[in-house]
Structure formats: C-alpha cells, structure tokens
Amino acid sequence: MCGVNIAIIIVHHRIHCIFVLGRRKGERTCLKTRKIFLILQTLRVNALYSNASIPVVVMLCGAFGLLVSLWNETNVITLITWFISLVVITAGRYYIVLQYHHSEKRPEEYLYWLNIYSIGTVFSGVIWGSTAYLLPTNNSLVELGLITMFMLVVISGSIGIYSVFKRVYYALSLPTILPLILFLALQNNVQLNSLSLITSIFAFFIFTVHYHTHKMTTQLLLTKFDNKVLIDNYENDQDRINILEKLNRTRTQQLEKAKQELDYIKNQKN
C-alpha cells in the first residue's frame, strides 16, 4: 500500500469505522487512523525536504552547463536572462527549505509544506520548459539536441530525489519535457520530428522508472514507520514490565513482613 493509495485506504477505513463499528466508537478509531496517516505523510515530507539541497545544486550546475554550451550559439542577453530567472527561482525554493527546517514540523501542516514545495518546483519546470522556445536562434539540430540532452538529464536525475511524492516529480518533469516534445513535433523538419519521437520514448521510460522508484521509496518509509512503532511498543512494554516487577517486589516484601509479624504473634502466644 504505497503513495496516494494511503489516502484511499484512510477514506475506506473511515467509512468502515462509522458504519460498522458505530459512529462514536468508529470516530475514535478514525481519529487514531488519521493520526497515523498524518505521521506517515510528515515522514514523507521530511524526506523530501531533507534532500532538497541536492536538486538546488543539480539545477544550478545544469543551468550553468547549458549557459556555457549555448554561449556562442544563441542570443546572449536572452540566455543570461533565462539563467538569472532560474537562479532566482532556485534561491526562492532554497529559502522555503530553510524555513521548513526552522519550523516546528507539525503533522497537520504537512500539506502546506508539500504544496508550497510543489509550486516552487512547477516554476522551475516552466523555466526549463521554456528553453526550446527562448534560446535557439535558428532551430538547429545541434542546439535543440543539446537542450534535449539537458532536459532528459534534469528529469532523470530528479527521480531519486522526488520519488517520495509523485506530484512533486510531475510538477518538475511535465512542464520541463512536454513543451520541448511539442516544439520539436511542430517543426517542419524530419530530423527534429524524429528527435521529438525519440525524446518521447526516453521520457516514457524515465516516467516508468520513477513510478517503480516511488513505490519502493514509499514502501521503505512505511517499513521505517512500522519499525518505529514496534520499537516504541517494545519500549512501552518494557516500561510496563519494569513497573509490574517493582510492584511485585513491593508486594512480596509486604507479604514477607506480614508473615514475620504473624510468626512473632504466634511465638508470643506460645
């Protein structure tokens, strides 16, 4: 049970709680289930933000590489404007990451942090997706082939980082690669049309890899949560056992003392 399926399970369980267990008892059980759901989602958001510095470095390095590669191939002012726009958006995203790390990370706020991260990722994807429309001056195969290579590297390199949430990965990859595929497909050039087809095939395989990586990542987080629950239960059981052992020793001492008093009374009578 992975990813978005967790939310579906919660909804089904809520219906079961209310209509099978009874409303009052069912609502109490649903509140517990809701708490578990929030904890799981918080773990996923925390995993997303914990690795957020990696895409910042990757984005800037990729943008700088594209800047250098196309310096003599396209309009310099447009190229610099594109690069600065991406740097500003990336800096804003990193500021959001810093704000998250200084926040209280309350479980009920997970959706806010997820949405704001997704919005920042969409802006980055749009900037990358605009490359094919803004940078090339003569739509040469070399320029567009270079841009395509960088785009595929961006969306494939983001798989491991954004695999914890599908919405975040799609927020980056779809605005990045779809405009490029459409741009190449609409050109009156067989070579560029072929490049569009090849890019579509590669993108399909990249999305397939992300789908399976997302499932594995979510399962690992669920396993981590299950292990934490087991450890907490074990520690709670140990605490209860220690309390019972202490009570047992105290009771034993009281019984021994009572026995000694009875023996003393018997000896006095004799």
C-alpha atoms as a PDB file:
ATOM      1  CA  MET A   1       0.000   0.000   0.000  1.00  0.00           C
ATOM      2  CA  CYS A   2       2.014   2.925  -1.315  1.00  0.00           C
ATOM      3  CA  GLY A   3       1.827   6.590  -2.166  1.00  0.00           C
ATOM      4  CA  VAL A   4      -1.573   8.013  -2.877  1.00  0.00           C
ATOM      5  CA  ASN A   5      -3.130   4.645  -2.007  1.00  0.00           C
ATOM      6  CA  ILE A   6      -2.599   5.557   1.652  1.00  0.00           C
ATOM      7  CA  ALA A   7      -5.212   8.302   1.339  1.00  0.00           C
ATOM      8  CA  ILE A   8      -7.674   5.889  -0.314  1.00  0.00           C
ATOM      9  CA  ILE A   9      -7.154   3.387   2.495  1.00  0.00           C
ATOM     10  CA  ILE A  10      -7.826   6.103   5.085  1.00  0.00           C
ATOM     11  CA  VAL A  11     -11.127   7.045   3.398  1.00  0.00           C
ATOM     12  CA  HIS A  12     -12.270   3.431   3.180  1.00  0.00           C
ATOM     13  CA  HIS A  13     -11.279   2.827   6.783  1.00  0.00           C
ATOM     14  CA  ARG A  14     -13.226   5.924   7.908  1.00  0.00           C
ATOM     15  CA  ILE A  15     -16.395   4.596   6.236  1.00  0.00           C
ATOM     16  CA  HIS A  16     -15.840   1.193   7.837  1.00  0.00           C
ATOM     17  CA  CYS A  17     -15.313   2.782  11.256  1.00  0.00           C
ATOM     18  CA  ILE A  18     -18.546   4.766  11.210  1.00  0.00           C
ATOM     19  CA  PHE A  19     -20.921   2.286   9.599  1.00  0.00           C
ATOM     20  CA  VAL A  20     -19.568  -0.988  11.032  1.00  0.00           C
ATOM     21  CA  LEU A  21     -18.203  -0.095  14.464  1.00  0.00           C
ATOM     22  CA  GLY A  22     -20.824   2.531  15.219  1.00  0.00           C
ATOM     23  CA  ARG A  23     -20.484   6.269  14.987  1.00  0.00           C
ATOM     24  CA  ARG A  24     -18.968   7.116  18.389  1.00  0.00           C
ATOM     25  CA  LYS A  25     -16.557   4.202  18.586  1.00  0.00           C
ATOM     26  CA  GLY A  26     -15.848   4.451  14.860  1.00  0.00           C
ATOM     27  CA  GLU A  27     -14.946   8.132  15.051  1.00  0.00           C
ATOM     28  CA  ARG A  28     -12.456   7.423  17.836  1.00  0.00           C
ATOM     29  CA  THR A  29     -10.841   4.720  15.720  1.00  0.00           C
ATOM     30  CA  CYS A  30     -10.794   7.028  12.693  1.00  0.00           C
ATOM     31  CA  LEU A  31      -9.083   9.745  14.699  1.00  0.00           C
ATOM     32  CA  LYS A  32      -6.326   7.274  15.534  1.00  0.00           C
ATOM     33  CA  THR A  33      -6.072   6.255  11.894  1.00  0.00           C
ATOM     34  CA  ARG A  34      -5.965   9.910  10.851  1.00  0.00           C
ATOM     35  CA  LYS A  35      -3.103  10.489  13.269  1.00  0.00           C
ATOM     36  CA  ILE A  36      -1.163   7.604  11.753  1.00  0.00           C
ATOM     37  CA  PHE A  37      -1.829   8.992   8.276  1.00  0.00           C
ATOM     38  CA  LEU A  38      -0.507  12.426   9.280  1.00  0.00           C
ATOM     39  CA  ILE A  39       2.625  10.885  10.771  1.00  0.00           C
ATOM     40  CA  LEU A  40       3.282   8.912   7.570  1.00  0.00           C
ATOM     41  CA  GLN A  41       2.784  11.983   5.387  1.00  0.00           C
ATOM     42  CA  THR A  42       5.028  14.021   7.672  1.00  0.00           C
ATOM     43  CA  LEU A  43       7.761  11.397   7.278  1.00  0.00           C
ATOM     44  CA  ARG A  44       7.462  11.683   3.509  1.00  0.00           C
ATOM     45  CA  VAL A  45       7.574  15.491   3.543  1.00  0.00           C
ATOM     46  CA  ASN A  46      10.572  15.400   5.860  1.00  0.00           C
ATOM     47  CA  ALA A  47      12.346  13.017   3.468  1.00  0.00           C
ATOM     48  CA  LEU A  48      11.563  15.412   0.608  1.00  0.00           C
ATOM     49  CA  TYR A  49      12.973  18.467   2.392  1.00  0.00           C
ATOM     50  CA  SER A  50      15.957  16.581   3.817  1.00  0.00           C
ATOM     51  CA  ASN A  51      17.289  16.010   0.278  1.00  0.00           C
ATOM     52  CA  ALA A  52      16.221  19.410  -1.064  1.00  0.00           C
ATOM     53  CA  SER A  53      19.763  20.803  -1.265  1.00  0.00           C
ATOM     54  CA  ILE A  54      20.694  18.200  -3.897  1.00  0.00           C
ATOM     55  CA  PRO A  55      18.270  19.420  -6.612  1.00  0.00           C
ATOM     56  CA  VAL A  56      19.378  23.001  -5.939  1.00  0.00           C
ATOM     57  CA  VAL A  57      22.972  22.091  -6.795  1.00  0.00           C
ATOM     58  CA  VAL A  58      21.904  19.914  -9.738  1.00  0.00           C
ATOM     59  CA  MET A  59      19.678  22.644 -11.202  1.00  0.00           C
ATOM     60  CA  LEU A  60      22.356  25.321 -10.957  1.00  0.00           C
ATOM     61  CA  CYS A  61      25.069  23.081 -12.378  1.00  0.00           C
ATOM     62  CA  GLY A  62      22.816  22.019 -15.256  1.00  0.00           C
ATOM     63  CA  ALA A  63      21.798  25.606 -15.995  1.00  0.00           C
ATOM     64  CA  PHE A  64      25.402  26.763 -15.920  1.00  0.00           C
ATOM     65  CA  GLY A  65      26.408  23.921 -18.239  1.00  0.00           C
ATOM     66  CA  LEU A  66      23.686  24.898 -20.695  1.00  0.00           C
ATOM     67  CA  LEU A  67      24.738  28.552 -20.406  1.00  0.00           C
ATOM     68  CA  VAL A  68      28.320  27.715 -21.361  1.00  0.00           C
ATOM     69  CA  SER A  69      27.291  25.298 -24.124  1.00  0.00           C
ATOM     70  CA  LEU A  70      24.989  27.784 -25.872  1.00  0.00           C
ATOM     71  CA  TRP A  71      27.021  30.951 -25.233  1.00  0.00           C
ATOM     72  CA  ASN A  72      28.115  31.297 -28.854  1.00  0.00           C
ATOM     73  CA  GLU A  73      25.030  29.636 -30.335  1.00  0.00           C
ATOM     74  CA  THR A  74      22.178  31.922 -29.291  1.00  0.00           C
ATOM     75  CA  ASN A  75      21.286  35.430 -28.123  1.00  0.00           C
ATOM     76  CA  VAL A  76      23.468  36.182 -25.087  1.00  0.00           C
ATOM     77  CA  ILE A  77      21.001  38.567 -23.408  1.00  0.00           C
ATOM     78  CA  THR A  78      18.172  36.016 -23.652  1.00  0.00           C
ATOM     79  CA  LEU A  79      20.481  33.305 -22.366  1.00  0.00           C
ATOM     80  CA  ILE A  80      21.612  35.365 -19.359  1.00  0.00           C
ATOM     81  CA  THR A  81      18.025  36.411 -18.578  1.00  0.00           C
ATOM     82  CA  TRP A  82      16.944  32.770 -18.622  1.00  0.00           C
ATOM     83  CA  PHE A  83      19.832  31.773 -16.349  1.00  0.00           C
ATOM     84  CA  ILE A  84      19.174  34.584 -13.847  1.00  0.00           C
ATOM     85  CA  SER A  85      15.453  33.685 -13.737  1.00  0.00           C
ATOM     86  CA  LEU A  86      16.297  30.095 -12.895  1.00  0.00           C
ATOM     87  CA  VAL A  87      18.801  31.176 -10.225  1.00  0.00           C
ATOM     88  CA  VAL A  88      16.214  33.477  -8.584  1.00  0.00           C
ATOM     89  CA  ILE A  89      13.554  30.740  -8.520  1.00  0.00           C
ATOM     90  CA  THR A  90      16.052  28.195  -7.198  1.00  0.00           C
ATOM     91  CA  ALA A  91      17.121  30.626  -4.460  1.00  0.00           C
ATOM     92  CA  GLY A  92      13.450  31.102  -3.508  1.00  0.00           C
ATOM     93  CA  ARG A  93      12.958  27.350  -3.315  1.00  0.00           C
ATOM     94  CA  TYR A  94      16.015  27.012  -1.097  1.00  0.00           C
ATOM     95  CA  TYR A  95      14.660  29.746   1.176  1.00  0.00           C
ATOM     96  CA  ILE A  96      11.474  27.689   1.576  1.00  0.00           C
ATOM     97  CA  VAL A  97      13.628  24.699   2.531  1.00  0.00           C
ATOM     98  CA  LEU A  98      15.384  26.749   5.217  1.00  0.00           C
ATOM     99  CA  GLN A  99      12.009  27.934   6.537  1.00  0.00           C
ATOM    100  CA  TYR A 100      10.854  24.319   6.797  1.00  0.00           C
ATOM    101  CA  HIS A 101      13.939  23.229   8.736  1.00  0.00           C
ATOM    102  CA  HIS A 102      13.340  26.042  11.235  1.00  0.00           C
ATOM    103  CA  SER A 103       9.634  25.246  11.603  1.00  0.00           C
ATOM    104  CA  GLU A 104       8.025  23.035  14.253  1.00  0.00           C
ATOM    105  CA  LYS A 105       7.152  20.398  11.597  1.00  0.00           C
ATOM    106  CA  ARG A 106       3.687  19.742  12.987  1.00  0.00           C
ATOM    107  CA  PRO A 107       1.975  16.767  11.276  1.00  0.00           C
ATOM    108  CA  GLU A 108      -1.175  18.761  10.482  1.00  0.00           C
ATOM    109  CA  GLU A 109       0.944  21.211   8.420  1.00  0.00           C
ATOM    110  CA  TYR A 110       2.383  18.610   6.054  1.00  0.00           C
ATOM    111  CA  LEU A 111       0.026  19.603   3.207  1.00  0.00           C
ATOM    112  CA  TYR A 112       1.085  23.266   3.388  1.00  0.00           C
ATOM    113  CA  TRP A 113       4.771  22.402   3.076  1.00  0.00           C
ATOM    114  CA  LEU A 114       4.066  19.869   0.324  1.00  0.00           C
ATOM    115  CA  ASN A 115       2.018  22.353  -1.719  1.00  0.00           C
ATOM    116  CA  ILE A 116       4.483  25.211  -1.388  1.00  0.00           C
ATOM    117  CA  TYR A 117       7.345  22.928  -2.418  1.00  0.00           C
ATOM    118  CA  SER A 118       5.326  21.698  -5.410  1.00  0.00           C
ATOM    119  CA  ILE A 119       4.581  25.285  -6.516  1.00  0.00           C
ATOM    120  CA  GLY A 120       8.272  26.168  -6.458  1.00  0.00           C
ATOM    121  CA  THR A 121       9.049  23.027  -8.449  1.00  0.00           C
ATOM    122  CA  VAL A 122       6.437  23.967 -11.070  1.00  0.00           C
ATOM    123  CA  PHE A 123       8.130  27.340 -11.610  1.00  0.00           C
ATOM    124  CA  SER A 124      11.481  25.601 -12.100  1.00  0.00           C
ATOM    125  CA  GLY A 125       9.887  23.209 -14.583  1.00  0.00           C
ATOM    126  CA  VAL A 126       8.337  26.083 -16.544  1.00  0.00           C
ATOM    127  CA  ILE A 127      11.712  27.850 -16.807  1.00  0.00           C
ATOM    128  CA  TRP A 128      13.353  24.679 -18.074  1.00  0.00           C
ATOM    129  CA  GLY A 129      10.456  24.023 -20.450  1.00  0.00           C
ATOM    130  CA  SER A 130      10.765  27.490 -21.970  1.00  0.00           C
ATOM    131  CA  THR A 131      14.317  26.754 -23.098  1.00  0.00           C
ATOM    132  CA  ALA A 132      13.374  25.396 -26.529  1.00  0.00           C
ATOM    133  CA  TYR A 133      11.229  28.463 -27.274  1.00  0.00           C
ATOM    134  CA  LEU A 134      13.555  31.166 -25.945  1.00  0.00           C
ATOM    135  CA  LEU A 135      17.148  30.093 -26.546  1.00  0.00           C
ATOM    136  CA  PRO A 136      17.606  28.685 -30.079  1.00  0.00           C
ATOM    137  CA  THR A 137      18.032  31.297 -32.810  1.00  0.00           C
ATOM    138  CA  ASN A 138      17.900  29.086 -35.893  1.00  0.00           C
ATOM    139  CA  ASN A 139      16.361  25.845 -34.564  1.00  0.00           C
ATOM    140  CA  SER A 140      19.451  23.881 -35.496  1.00  0.00           C
ATOM    141  CA  LEU A 141      19.605  20.201 -34.698  1.00  0.00           C
ATOM    142  CA  VAL A 142      22.785  20.701 -32.672  1.00  0.00           C
ATOM    143  CA  GLU A 143      21.267  23.351 -30.384  1.00  0.00           C
ATOM    144  CA  LEU A 144      17.974  21.530 -29.866  1.00  0.00           C
ATOM    145  CA  GLY A 145      19.750  18.204 -29.441  1.00  0.00           C
ATOM    146  CA  LEU A 146      21.910  19.740 -26.710  1.00  0.00           C
ATOM    147  CA  ILE A 147      18.866  21.232 -24.991  1.00  0.00           C
ATOM    148  CA  THR A 148      17.059  17.886 -25.213  1.00  0.00           C
ATOM    149  CA  MET A 149      20.020  16.145 -23.601  1.00  0.00           C
ATOM    150  CA  PHE A 150      19.996  18.587 -20.677  1.00  0.00           C
ATOM    151  CA  MET A 151      16.219  18.223 -20.259  1.00  0.00           C
ATOM    152  CA  LEU A 152      16.418  14.435 -20.107  1.00  0.00           C
ATOM    153  CA  VAL A 153      19.257  14.682 -17.588  1.00  0.00           C
ATOM    154  CA  VAL A 154      17.163  17.016 -15.407  1.00  0.00           C
ATOM    155  CA  ILE A 155      14.067  14.799 -15.290  1.00  0.00           C
ATOM    156  CA  SER A 156      16.024  11.548 -14.950  1.00  0.00           C
ATOM    157  CA  GLY A 157      18.326  12.949 -12.271  1.00  0.00           C
ATOM    158  CA  SER A 158      15.303  14.072 -10.244  1.00  0.00           C
ATOM    159  CA  ILE A 159      13.829  10.575  -9.941  1.00  0.00           C
ATOM    160  CA  GLY A 160      15.585   9.582  -6.747  1.00  0.00           C
ATOM    161  CA  ILE A 161      15.177  12.991  -5.127  1.00  0.00           C
ATOM    162  CA  TYR A 162      11.478  13.496  -5.884  1.00  0.00           C
ATOM    163  CA  SER A 163      10.380   9.852  -5.816  1.00  0.00           C
ATOM    164  CA  VAL A 164       8.765  10.257  -2.400  1.00  0.00           C
ATOM    165  CA  PHE A 165       5.882  12.287  -3.919  1.00  0.00           C
ATOM    166  CA  LYS A 166       4.639  11.780  -7.468  1.00  0.00           C
ATOM    167  CA  ARG A 167       3.067  15.237  -7.602  1.00  0.00           C
ATOM    168  CA  VAL A 168       6.418  16.909  -6.937  1.00  0.00           C
ATOM    169  CA  TYR A 169       8.192  14.924  -9.634  1.00  0.00           C
ATOM    170  CA  TYR A 170       5.472  15.588 -12.191  1.00  0.00           C
ATOM    171  CA  ALA A 171       5.467  19.266 -11.198  1.00  0.00           C
ATOM    172  CA  LEU A 172       9.044  19.426 -12.458  1.00  0.00           C
ATOM    173  CA  SER A 173       9.181  16.859 -15.249  1.00  0.00           C
ATOM    174  CA  LEU A 174       5.955  17.587 -17.151  1.00  0.00           C
ATOM    175  CA  PRO A 175       6.482  21.369 -17.597  1.00  0.00           C
ATOM    176  CA  THR A 176      10.093  20.596 -18.497  1.00  0.00           C
ATOM    177  CA  ILE A 177       9.774  17.914 -21.145  1.00  0.00           C
ATOM    178  CA  LEU A 178       6.286  18.297 -22.681  1.00  0.00           C
ATOM    179  CA  PRO A 179       6.836  21.787 -24.198  1.00  0.00           C
ATOM    180  CA  LEU A 180      10.075  20.542 -25.735  1.00  0.00           C
ATOM    181  CA  ILE A 181       8.423  17.472 -27.261  1.00  0.00           C
ATOM    182  CA  LEU A 182       5.589  19.619 -28.631  1.00  0.00           C
ATOM    183  CA  PHE A 183       8.003  22.214 -30.020  1.00  0.00           C
ATOM    184  CA  LEU A 184      10.059  19.578 -31.842  1.00  0.00           C
ATOM    185  CA  ALA A 185       6.960  17.819 -33.172  1.00  0.00           C
ATOM    186  CA  LEU A 186       5.570  21.044 -34.697  1.00  0.00           C
ATOM    187  CA  GLN A 187       8.732  21.890 -36.641  1.00  0.00           C
ATOM    188  CA  ASN A 188       8.715  21.393 -40.405  1.00  0.00           C
ATOM    189  CA  ASN A 189      11.840  19.265 -40.185  1.00  0.00           C
ATOM    190  CA  VAL A 190      12.037  15.477 -40.304  1.00  0.00           C
ATOM    191  CA  GLN A 191      15.138  15.359 -38.114  1.00  0.00           C
ATOM    192  CA  LEU A 192      13.531  17.484 -35.402  1.00  0.00           C
ATOM    193  CA  ASN A 193      10.314  15.441 -35.630  1.00  0.00           C
ATOM    194  CA  SER A 194      12.391  12.286 -35.171  1.00  0.00           C
ATOM    195  CA  LEU A 195      14.103  13.897 -32.191  1.00  0.00           C
ATOM    196  CA  SER A 196      10.644  14.595 -30.713  1.00  0.00           C
ATOM    197  CA  LEU A 197       9.692  10.917 -31.101  1.00  0.00           C
ATOM    198  CA  ILE A 198      12.944   9.698 -29.546  1.00  0.00           C
ATOM    199  CA  THR A 199      12.558  12.163 -26.667  1.00  0.00           C
ATOM    200  CA  SER A 200       9.001  10.913 -26.062  1.00  0.00           C
ATOM    201  CA  ILE A 201      10.231   7.314 -25.870  1.00  0.00           C
ATOM    202  CA  PHE A 202      13.007   8.211 -23.457  1.00  0.00           C
ATOM    203  CA  ALA A 203      10.583  10.270 -21.339  1.00  0.00           C
ATOM    204  CA  PHE A 204       8.186   7.304 -21.175  1.00  0.00           C
ATOM    205  CA  PHE A 205      10.929   5.033 -19.838  1.00  0.00           C
ATOM    206  CA  ILE A 206      12.037   7.708 -17.351  1.00  0.00           C
ATOM    207  CA  PHE A 207       8.467   8.081 -16.041  1.00  0.00           C
ATOM    208  CA  THR A 208       8.200   4.290 -15.743  1.00  0.00           C
ATOM    209  CA  VAL A 209      11.388   4.163 -13.686  1.00  0.00           C
ATOM    210  CA  HIS A 210      10.059   6.960 -11.473  1.00  0.00           C
ATOM    211  CA  TYR A 211       6.786   5.106 -10.906  1.00  0.00           C
ATOM    212  CA  HIS A 212       8.565   1.994  -9.608  1.00  0.00           C
ATOM    213  CA  THR A 213      11.073   4.063  -7.629  1.00  0.00           C
ATOM    214  CA  HIS A 214       8.169   5.907  -5.998  1.00  0.00           C
ATOM    215  CA  LYS A 215       6.601   2.613  -4.932  1.00  0.00           C
ATOM    216  CA  MET A 216       9.856   1.337  -3.432  1.00  0.00           C
ATOM    217  CA  THR A 217      10.576   4.629  -1.644  1.00  0.00           C
ATOM    218  CA  THR A 218       7.099   4.770  -0.120  1.00  0.00           C
ATOM    219  CA  GLN A 219       7.351   1.147   0.975  1.00  0.00           C
ATOM    220  CA  LEU A 220      10.678   1.887   2.661  1.00  0.00           C
ATOM    221  CA  LEU A 221       9.108   4.786   4.563  1.00  0.00           C
ATOM    222  CA  LEU A 222       6.190   2.585   5.612  1.00  0.00           C
ATOM    223  CA  THR A 223       8.651  -0.059   6.805  1.00  0.00           C
ATOM    224  CA  LYS A 224      10.575   2.598   8.718  1.00  0.00           C
ATOM    225  CA  PHE A 225       7.337   3.726  10.357  1.00  0.00           C
ATOM    226  CA  ASP A 226       6.363   0.138  11.229  1.00  0.00           C
ATOM    227  CA  ASN A 227       9.771  -0.451  12.790  1.00  0.00           C
ATOM    228  CA  LYS A 228       9.451   2.733  14.826  1.00  0.00           C
ATOM    229  CA  VAL A 229       6.028   1.627  16.069  1.00  0.00           C
ATOM    230  CA  LEU A 230       7.400  -1.794  17.010  1.00  0.00           C
ATOM    231  CA  ILE A 231      10.324  -0.237  18.888  1.00  0.00           C
ATOM    232  CA  ASP A 232       8.012   2.189  20.721  1.00  0.00           C
ATOM    233  CA  ASN A 233       5.654  -0.648  21.643  1.00  0.00           C
ATOM    234  CA  TYR A 234       8.585  -2.730  22.849  1.00  0.00           C
ATOM    235  CA  GLU A 235       9.873   0.134  24.992  1.00  0.00           C
ATOM    236  CA  ASN A 236       6.377   0.745  26.379  1.00  0.00           C
ATOM    237  CA  ASP A 237       6.019  -2.951  27.159  1.00  0.00           C
ATOM    238  CA  GLN A 238       9.408  -2.917  28.885  1.00  0.00           C
ATOM    239  CA  ASP A 239       8.336   0.064  30.978  1.00  0.00           C
ATOM    240  CA  ARG A 240       5.130  -1.725  31.975  1.00  0.00           C
ATOM    241  CA  ILE A 241       7.084  -4.882  32.808  1.00  0.00           C
ATOM    242  CA  ASN A 242       9.505  -2.890  34.980  1.00  0.00           C
ATOM    243  CA  ILE A 243       6.582  -1.268  36.813  1.00  0.00           C
ATOM    244  CA  LEU A 244       4.919  -4.652  37.381  1.00  0.00           C
ATOM    245  CA  GLU A 245       8.182  -6.150  38.606  1.00  0.00           C
ATOM    246  CA  LYS A 246       8.616  -3.270  41.029  1.00  0.00           C
ATOM    247  CA  LEU A 247       5.046  -3.686  42.268  1.00  0.00           C
ATOM    248  CA  ASN A 248       5.631  -7.426  42.600  1.00  0.00           C
ATOM    249  CA  ARG A 249       8.775  -6.887  44.662  1.00  0.00           C
ATOM    250  CA  THR A 250       6.976  -4.374  46.867  1.00  0.00           C
ATOM    251  CA  ARG A 251       4.060  -6.767  47.357  1.00  0.00           C
ATOM    252  CA  THR A 252       6.432  -9.632  48.131  1.00  0.00           C
ATOM    253  CA  GLN A 253       8.209  -7.542  50.732  1.00  0.00           C
ATOM    254  CA  GLN A 254       4.865  -6.618  52.293  1.00  0.00           C
ATOM    255  CA  LEU A 255       3.824 -10.278  52.420  1.00  0.00           C
ATOM    256  CA  GLU A 256       7.147 -11.299  53.986  1.00  0.00           C
ATOM    257  CA  LYS A 257       6.776  -8.551  56.562  1.00  0.00           C
ATOM    258  CA  ALA A 258       3.216  -9.641  57.325  1.00  0.00           C
ATOM    259  CA  LYS A 259       4.383 -13.264  57.652  1.00  0.00           C
ATOM    260  CA  GLN A 260       7.108 -12.211  60.076  1.00  0.00           C
ATOM    261  CA  GLU A 261       4.564 -10.312  62.161  1.00  0.00           C
ATOM    262  CA  LEU A 262       2.247 -13.348  62.231  1.00  0.00           C
ATOM    263  CA  ASP A 263       5.121 -15.591  63.269  1.00  0.00           C
ATOM    264  CA  TYR A 264       6.047 -13.141  66.015  1.00  0.00           C
ATOM    265  CA  ILE A 265       2.432 -13.083  67.302  1.00  0.00           C
ATOM    266  CA  LYS A 266       2.313 -16.915  67.316  1.00  0.00           C
ATOM    267  CA  ASN A 267       5.563 -17.111  69.245  1.00  0.00           C
ATOM    268  CA  GLN A 268       4.247 -14.636  71.789  1.00  0.00           C
ATOM    269  CA  LYS A 269       1.122 -16.753  72.366  1.00  0.00           C
ATOM    270  CA  ASN A 270       3.162 -19.907  72.806  1.00  0.00           C
END
